[in-house]
Structure formats: C-alpha cells, structure tokens
Amino acid sequence: MIPFPPAPQAMPFAACYRGAPLPRRIPLQSQAAIEGEIRTFLSENFPLSASGTVEADQSLVESGVIDSLGVLELVEFLDERYGLQIAEEELVPENLDSIARIVRFVSSKVGADTSAENELDRA
C-alpha cells in the first residue's frame, strides 16, 4: 500500500495573491462628492475649467475644456483615485464627455451612494 502525501496546509488569504495587487477600495461617496473631486481635478489640470463656468451637462470636448489627451489624463485620474479599470469599449462620450456623465459612470462602477439628493439628478 502506497501512503498518500500529507494534505497541504491552508495558505493565508494574502499569500494567495502575493505579487498581485489587491483591489483598492474607496469609502462610499455621494455623487455630489464625486462631482466635487472631478471638478477639482479639471480646474487644477485644464485652464478653461478653472473659470468655474463649466455646466454639469456641458460637453468637455466640444467646449474645448479638454482634448483627446485630456481624456487620457482624466482616465488616469479615475484609475488612480477610484481604482477603476476602464475597458476600451467604455471610452466613449456617453461615459466621459461631461461632468454629469463622468459622475454617473464613476458612480455605477464604484457603487456610489445615490440616495442623497444632488444637482445631477435634477439636470
């Protein structure tokens, strides 16, 4: 009779993912808080946005606030801040062309608190 080898010891959870980054978690935020962070990012990185006159539903590309490289900077910001992995097919105007659309997109990806009233729901 051939003896079986001993059963392997259970690995700690973190050891299973050694070398692979664990997903970043952010605290649940309201859509208004997300909008504020996006407006701050835009005003710090894009001069036309700094005037504060960008409406929530205004096209950022058509109004000249950002260009195609600006969209890539925005995507990088969303990845760093919210841990979003944005697929190529999600890089469309329906998701990223206005502040309102960006907020809705981010909220849907991170599961933001949508119960609070905010201006985006009224727009």
C-alpha atoms as a PDB file:
ATOM      1  CA  MET A   1       0.000   0.000   0.000  1.00  0.00           C
ATOM      2  CA  ILE A   2       1.372   3.415  -1.043  1.00  0.00           C
ATOM      3  CA  PRO A   3       0.929   6.191   1.563  1.00  0.00           C
ATOM      4  CA  PHE A   4      -0.691   9.421   0.464  1.00  0.00           C
ATOM      5  CA  PRO A   5       1.282  12.631   0.994  1.00  0.00           C
ATOM      6  CA  PRO A   6       0.017  14.824   3.829  1.00  0.00           C
ATOM      7  CA  ALA A   7      -2.675  17.342   2.993  1.00  0.00           C
ATOM      8  CA  PRO A   8      -1.288  20.774   2.133  1.00  0.00           C
ATOM      9  CA  GLN A   9      -1.595  23.453   4.788  1.00  0.00           C
ATOM     10  CA  ALA A  10      -4.076  26.212   4.110  1.00  0.00           C
ATOM     11  CA  MET A  11      -2.405  29.367   2.879  1.00  0.00           C
ATOM     12  CA  PRO A  12      -3.265  32.708   4.429  1.00  0.00           C
ATOM     13  CA  PHE A  13      -5.569  34.744   2.196  1.00  0.00           C
ATOM     14  CA  ALA A  14      -2.962  37.417   1.401  1.00  0.00           C
ATOM     15  CA  ALA A  15      -0.411  34.781   0.414  1.00  0.00           C
ATOM     16  CA  CYS A  16      -2.695  33.581  -2.371  1.00  0.00           C
ATOM     17  CA  TYR A  17      -2.272  36.925  -4.077  1.00  0.00           C
ATOM     18  CA  ARG A  18       1.399  37.571  -3.471  1.00  0.00           C
ATOM     19  CA  GLY A  19       2.715  39.687  -6.298  1.00  0.00           C
ATOM     20  CA  ALA A  20      -0.744  40.697  -7.491  1.00  0.00           C
ATOM     21  CA  PRO A  21      -2.138  43.994  -6.230  1.00  0.00           C
ATOM     22  CA  LEU A  22      -5.299  43.762  -4.220  1.00  0.00           C
ATOM     23  CA  PRO A  23      -8.140  45.922  -5.485  1.00  0.00           C
ATOM     24  CA  ARG A  24      -8.248  49.372  -3.938  1.00  0.00           C
ATOM     25  CA  ARG A  25     -11.338  50.222  -2.012  1.00  0.00           C
ATOM     26  CA  ILE A  26     -12.638  53.711  -1.508  1.00  0.00           C
ATOM     27  CA  PRO A  27     -15.255  54.685   1.029  1.00  0.00           C
ATOM     28  CA  LEU A  28     -18.794  55.016  -0.271  1.00  0.00           C
ATOM     29  CA  GLN A  29     -19.239  58.543  -1.580  1.00  0.00           C
ATOM     30  CA  SER A  30     -22.197  60.552  -2.728  1.00  0.00           C
ATOM     31  CA  GLN A  31     -22.490  61.656  -6.325  1.00  0.00           C
ATOM     32  CA  ALA A  32     -22.048  65.249  -5.132  1.00  0.00           C
ATOM     33  CA  ALA A  33     -18.690  64.342  -3.554  1.00  0.00           C
ATOM     34  CA  ILE A  34     -17.575  62.607  -6.740  1.00  0.00           C
ATOM     35  CA  GLU A  35     -18.633  65.640  -8.783  1.00  0.00           C
ATOM     36  CA  GLY A  36     -16.605  67.890  -6.475  1.00  0.00           C
ATOM     37  CA  GLU A  37     -13.482  65.758  -6.903  1.00  0.00           C
ATOM     38  CA  ILE A  38     -13.869  65.709 -10.687  1.00  0.00           C
ATOM     39  CA  ARG A  39     -14.394  69.483 -10.818  1.00  0.00           C
ATOM     40  CA  THR A  40     -11.283  69.970  -8.665  1.00  0.00           C
ATOM     41  CA  PHE A  41      -9.244  67.704 -10.963  1.00  0.00           C
ATOM     42  CA  LEU A  42     -10.468  69.574 -14.056  1.00  0.00           C
ATOM     43  CA  SER A  43      -9.784  73.016 -12.606  1.00  0.00           C
ATOM     44  CA  GLU A  44      -6.275  72.018 -11.486  1.00  0.00           C
ATOM     45  CA  ASN A  45      -5.331  70.440 -14.810  1.00  0.00           C
ATOM     46  CA  PHE A  46      -7.277  72.273 -17.515  1.00  0.00           C
ATOM     47  CA  PRO A  47      -7.236  76.095 -17.620  1.00  0.00           C
ATOM     48  CA  LEU A  48     -10.623  76.517 -19.324  1.00  0.00           C
ATOM     49  CA  SER A  49     -12.252  74.594 -16.493  1.00  0.00           C
ATOM     50  CA  ALA A  50     -10.684  76.806 -13.817  1.00  0.00           C
ATOM     51  CA  SER A  51     -13.113  79.632 -14.555  1.00  0.00           C
ATOM     52  CA  GLY A  52     -15.823  77.552 -12.878  1.00  0.00           C
ATOM     53  CA  THR A  53     -18.353  78.121 -15.634  1.00  0.00           C
ATOM     54  CA  VAL A  54     -18.496  74.530 -16.854  1.00  0.00           C
ATOM     55  CA  GLU A  55     -22.041  73.237 -16.542  1.00  0.00           C
ATOM     56  CA  ALA A  56     -22.581  69.633 -15.423  1.00  0.00           C
ATOM     57  CA  ASP A  57     -24.072  68.578 -18.767  1.00  0.00           C
ATOM     58  CA  GLN A  58     -21.757  70.665 -20.990  1.00  0.00           C
ATOM     59  CA  SER A  59     -19.578  68.670 -23.407  1.00  0.00           C
ATOM     60  CA  LEU A  60     -15.996  68.952 -22.203  1.00  0.00           C
ATOM     61  CA  VAL A  61     -14.530  68.144 -25.617  1.00  0.00           C
ATOM     62  CA  GLU A  62     -16.850  70.280 -27.759  1.00  0.00           C
ATOM     63  CA  SER A  63     -16.427  73.285 -25.448  1.00  0.00           C
ATOM     64  CA  GLY A  64     -12.646  72.934 -25.592  1.00  0.00           C
ATOM     65  CA  VAL A  65     -12.132  72.223 -21.890  1.00  0.00           C
ATOM     66  CA  ILE A  66     -10.249  69.011 -22.672  1.00  0.00           C
ATOM     67  CA  ASP A  67      -8.901  67.367 -25.814  1.00  0.00           C
ATOM     68  CA  SER A  68      -8.154  63.716 -26.589  1.00  0.00           C
ATOM     69  CA  LEU A  69      -5.001  63.775 -24.451  1.00  0.00           C
ATOM     70  CA  GLY A  70      -7.040  65.363 -21.691  1.00  0.00           C
ATOM     71  CA  VAL A  71      -9.448  62.435 -21.826  1.00  0.00           C
ATOM     72  CA  LEU A  72      -6.491  60.103 -21.257  1.00  0.00           C
ATOM     73  CA  GLU A  73      -5.401  62.206 -18.267  1.00  0.00           C
ATOM     74  CA  LEU A  74      -8.948  62.021 -16.942  1.00  0.00           C
ATOM     75  CA  VAL A  75      -8.984  58.234 -17.325  1.00  0.00           C
ATOM     76  CA  GLU A  76      -5.672  58.002 -15.470  1.00  0.00           C
ATOM     77  CA  PHE A  77      -7.100  60.162 -12.664  1.00  0.00           C
ATOM     78  CA  LEU A  78     -10.193  57.951 -12.409  1.00  0.00           C
ATOM     79  CA  ASP A  79      -7.985  54.866 -12.243  1.00  0.00           C
ATOM     80  CA  GLU A  80      -5.741  56.336  -9.539  1.00  0.00           C
ATOM     81  CA  ARG A  81      -8.489  57.916  -7.441  1.00  0.00           C
ATOM     82  CA  TYR A  82     -11.250  55.315  -7.704  1.00  0.00           C
ATOM     83  CA  GLY A  83      -9.352  52.193  -8.728  1.00  0.00           C
ATOM     84  CA  LEU A  84     -11.341  51.903 -11.957  1.00  0.00           C
ATOM     85  CA  GLN A  85     -10.154  49.667 -14.721  1.00  0.00           C
ATOM     86  CA  ILE A  86     -11.832  51.289 -17.702  1.00  0.00           C
ATOM     87  CA  ALA A  87     -12.160  48.990 -20.679  1.00  0.00           C
ATOM     88  CA  GLU A  88     -11.511  50.313 -24.171  1.00  0.00           C
ATOM     89  CA  GLU A  89     -15.173  49.936 -25.127  1.00  0.00           C
ATOM     90  CA  GLU A  90     -16.096  52.178 -22.158  1.00  0.00           C
ATOM     91  CA  LEU A  91     -14.020  55.093 -23.506  1.00  0.00           C
ATOM     92  CA  VAL A  92     -16.997  56.681 -25.206  1.00  0.00           C
ATOM     93  CA  PRO A  93     -18.644  60.120 -24.949  1.00  0.00           C
ATOM     94  CA  GLU A  94     -21.656  58.575 -23.191  1.00  0.00           C
ATOM     95  CA  ASN A  95     -19.360  57.926 -20.205  1.00  0.00           C
ATOM     96  CA  LEU A  96     -16.758  60.694 -20.285  1.00  0.00           C
ATOM     97  CA  ASP A  97     -17.941  63.746 -22.256  1.00  0.00           C
ATOM     98  CA  SER A  98     -19.452  65.841 -19.454  1.00  0.00           C
ATOM     99  CA  ILE A  99     -19.126  66.149 -15.712  1.00  0.00           C
ATOM    100  CA  ALA A 100     -22.596  64.665 -15.231  1.00  0.00           C
ATOM    101  CA  ARG A 101     -21.768  61.664 -17.431  1.00  0.00           C
ATOM    102  CA  ILE A 102     -18.425  61.106 -15.685  1.00  0.00           C
ATOM    103  CA  VAL A 103     -20.121  61.198 -12.281  1.00  0.00           C
ATOM    104  CA  ARG A 104     -22.787  58.704 -13.385  1.00  0.00           C
ATOM    105  CA  PHE A 105     -20.139  56.432 -14.900  1.00  0.00           C
ATOM    106  CA  VAL A 106     -17.904  56.518 -11.815  1.00  0.00           C
ATOM    107  CA  SER A 107     -20.914  56.046  -9.523  1.00  0.00           C
ATOM    108  CA  SER A 108     -22.037  52.987 -11.449  1.00  0.00           C
ATOM    109  CA  LYS A 109     -18.543  51.491 -11.334  1.00  0.00           C
ATOM    110  CA  VAL A 110     -17.826  52.088  -7.641  1.00  0.00           C
ATOM    111  CA  GLY A 111     -21.340  51.747  -6.296  1.00  0.00           C
ATOM    112  CA  ALA A 112     -21.642  55.304  -5.010  1.00  0.00           C
ATOM    113  CA  ASP A 113     -24.333  56.404  -2.632  1.00  0.00           C
ATOM    114  CA  THR A 114     -27.096  57.641  -4.922  1.00  0.00           C
ATOM    115  CA  SER A 115     -29.690  58.097  -2.191  1.00  0.00           C
ATOM    116  CA  ALA A 116     -28.620  61.652  -1.384  1.00  0.00           C
ATOM    117  CA  GLU A 117     -30.181  64.419  -3.416  1.00  0.00           C
ATOM    118  CA  ASN A 118     -27.823  66.199  -5.757  1.00  0.00           C
ATOM    119  CA  GLU A 119     -27.933  68.544  -8.694  1.00  0.00           C
ATOM    120  CA  LEU A 120     -27.138  65.830 -11.249  1.00  0.00           C
ATOM    121  CA  ASP A 121     -30.483  64.129 -10.674  1.00  0.00           C
ATOM    122  CA  ARG A 122     -32.304  67.381 -11.407  1.00  0.00           C
ATOM    123  CA  ALA A 123     -30.298  68.217 -14.543  1.00  0.00           C
END
